[in-house]
N, C-alpha and C. Protein backbone atom coordinates (compact mmCIF):
# COMPACT_ATOMS: atom_id res chain seq x y z
N MET A 1 8.26 114.76 107.87
CA MET A 1 9.31 113.55 107.76
C MET A 1 9.65 113.12 109.17
N LYS A 2 9.99 114.00 110.17
CA LYS A 2 10.37 113.54 111.31
C LYS A 2 9.29 112.84 112.09
N LEU A 3 8.04 113.40 111.84
CA LEU A 3 6.96 112.85 112.50
C LEU A 3 6.63 111.36 112.06
N SER A 4 6.83 111.26 110.75
CA SER A 4 6.57 109.77 110.12
C SER A 4 7.68 108.75 110.77
N VAL A 5 8.90 109.17 110.80
CA VAL A 5 9.97 108.48 111.26
C VAL A 5 9.76 108.00 112.80
N LEU A 6 9.25 109.03 113.50
CA LEU A 6 8.92 108.85 114.92
C LEU A 6 7.89 107.92 115.11
N PHE A 7 6.73 107.99 114.18
CA PHE A 7 5.64 107.05 114.32
C PHE A 7 5.95 105.63 113.94
N VAL A 8 6.83 105.45 112.94
CA VAL A 8 7.30 104.05 112.53
C VAL A 8 8.14 103.47 113.62
N THR A 9 9.03 104.22 114.29
CA THR A 9 9.84 103.73 115.22
C THR A 9 9.08 103.45 116.56
N ILE A 10 8.17 104.16 116.88
CA ILE A 10 7.14 103.76 118.09
C ILE A 10 6.36 102.56 117.76
N PHE A 11 5.79 102.50 116.47
CA PHE A 11 5.05 101.35 116.17
C PHE A 11 5.91 100.04 116.21
N PHE A 12 7.06 100.07 115.69
CA PHE A 12 8.01 98.96 115.71
C PHE A 12 8.32 98.57 117.09
N ALA A 13 8.60 99.53 117.99
CA ALA A 13 8.93 99.28 119.35
C ALA A 13 7.64 98.51 120.05
N LEU A 14 6.52 99.04 119.83
CA LEU A 14 5.35 98.49 120.41
C LEU A 14 5.17 97.13 119.73
N THR A 15 5.44 96.85 118.59
CA THR A 15 5.16 95.49 118.01
C THR A 15 6.17 94.54 118.64
N LEU A 16 7.35 94.96 118.87
CA LEU A 16 8.33 94.05 119.68
C LEU A 16 7.93 93.78 121.15
N VAL A 17 7.32 94.80 121.63
CA VAL A 17 6.87 94.54 123.03
C VAL A 17 5.72 93.55 123.15
N ALA A 18 4.79 93.72 122.15
CA ALA A 18 3.58 93.12 122.13
C ALA A 18 3.74 91.53 121.72
N CYS A 19 4.82 91.32 120.80
CA CYS A 19 4.89 90.02 120.31
C CYS A 19 6.02 89.26 121.13
N GLY A 20 6.79 89.84 121.83
CA GLY A 20 7.85 89.30 122.58
C GLY A 20 8.87 88.48 121.78
N LYS A 21 9.57 87.77 122.36
CA LYS A 21 10.62 86.87 121.60
C LYS A 21 9.93 85.55 120.99
N PRO A 22 10.42 84.99 120.08
CA PRO A 22 9.94 83.83 119.49
C PRO A 22 10.03 82.68 120.51
N THR A 23 9.14 81.77 120.58
CA THR A 23 9.27 80.63 121.38
C THR A 23 9.51 79.35 120.77
N ALA A 24 10.23 78.50 121.41
CA ALA A 24 10.62 77.26 120.72
C ALA A 24 10.95 76.33 121.86
N PRO A 25 10.68 75.01 121.72
CA PRO A 25 11.09 74.17 122.79
C PRO A 25 12.70 74.27 123.20
N GLU A 26 12.81 74.17 124.41
CA GLU A 26 14.16 74.51 125.04
C GLU A 26 15.13 73.27 124.67
N SER A 27 14.60 72.10 124.61
CA SER A 27 15.50 70.97 124.29
C SER A 27 14.53 69.97 123.49
N ALA A 28 14.94 69.76 122.12
CA ALA A 28 14.26 69.02 121.32
C ALA A 28 14.65 67.53 121.73
N SER A 29 13.56 66.58 121.77
CA SER A 29 13.77 65.28 122.04
C SER A 29 13.23 64.49 120.98
N SER A 30 14.05 63.43 120.53
CA SER A 30 13.50 62.60 119.48
C SER A 30 13.12 61.23 120.02
N ASP A 31 12.73 61.20 121.37
CA ASP A 31 12.32 59.87 121.99
C ASP A 31 11.04 59.37 121.32
N ASN A 32 10.00 60.23 120.97
CA ASN A 32 8.88 59.87 120.44
C ASN A 32 8.72 60.26 118.93
N TYR A 33 9.68 60.35 118.39
CA TYR A 33 9.74 60.71 116.86
C TYR A 33 9.14 59.57 116.12
N GLY A 34 8.17 59.87 115.12
CA GLY A 34 7.55 58.80 114.47
C GLY A 34 6.41 58.21 115.08
N THR A 35 5.85 58.82 116.24
CA THR A 35 4.61 58.40 116.81
C THR A 35 3.41 59.26 116.81
N THR A 36 2.33 58.90 116.87
CA THR A 36 1.12 59.80 116.88
C THR A 36 1.02 60.58 118.19
N HIS A 37 0.14 61.36 118.22
CA HIS A 37 -0.02 62.15 119.48
C HIS A 37 -0.42 61.27 120.67
N GLU A 38 -1.03 60.06 120.25
CA GLU A 38 -1.33 59.14 121.34
C GLU A 38 -0.29 58.20 121.71
N GLY A 39 0.85 58.38 121.06
CA GLY A 39 1.97 57.45 121.39
C GLY A 39 2.11 56.20 120.57
N LYS A 40 1.25 56.02 119.65
CA LYS A 40 1.14 54.83 118.82
C LYS A 40 2.22 54.96 117.67
N PRO A 41 2.68 53.96 117.12
CA PRO A 41 3.57 54.06 115.84
C PRO A 41 2.71 54.69 114.70
N ALA A 42 3.34 55.36 113.97
CA ALA A 42 2.77 55.97 112.76
C ALA A 42 2.44 54.97 111.65
N GLU A 43 1.46 55.02 110.97
CA GLU A 43 1.15 54.07 109.84
C GLU A 43 1.05 54.69 108.48
N GLY A 44 1.27 54.04 107.49
CA GLY A 44 1.03 54.44 106.13
C GLY A 44 2.11 55.40 105.62
N ARG A 45 1.83 56.41 104.92
CA ARG A 45 2.62 57.48 104.60
C ARG A 45 3.44 58.23 105.58
N ASN A 46 2.96 58.22 106.69
CA ASN A 46 3.55 58.96 107.82
C ASN A 46 4.70 58.07 108.77
N GLU A 47 4.76 56.88 108.23
CA GLU A 47 5.53 55.87 108.92
C GLU A 47 7.00 56.32 108.73
N VAL A 48 7.83 56.22 109.74
CA VAL A 48 9.25 56.41 109.63
C VAL A 48 9.98 55.32 108.93
N PRO A 49 10.68 55.72 107.71
CA PRO A 49 11.44 54.74 107.11
C PRO A 49 12.44 53.90 108.04
N LYS A 50 12.56 52.64 107.74
CA LYS A 50 13.49 51.81 108.53
C LYS A 50 14.79 51.71 107.92
């Protein structure tokens, strides 16, 4: 029992070290919201409603 708890604890610790913290953009900007990756306005069903 103690061995399995130790194994699970070590596995969890190694998982946290390997994965690190979640990453996200530090500041979300809505300047280019509704544009394609090329900077052009979206068309069709991807167009932003006015």
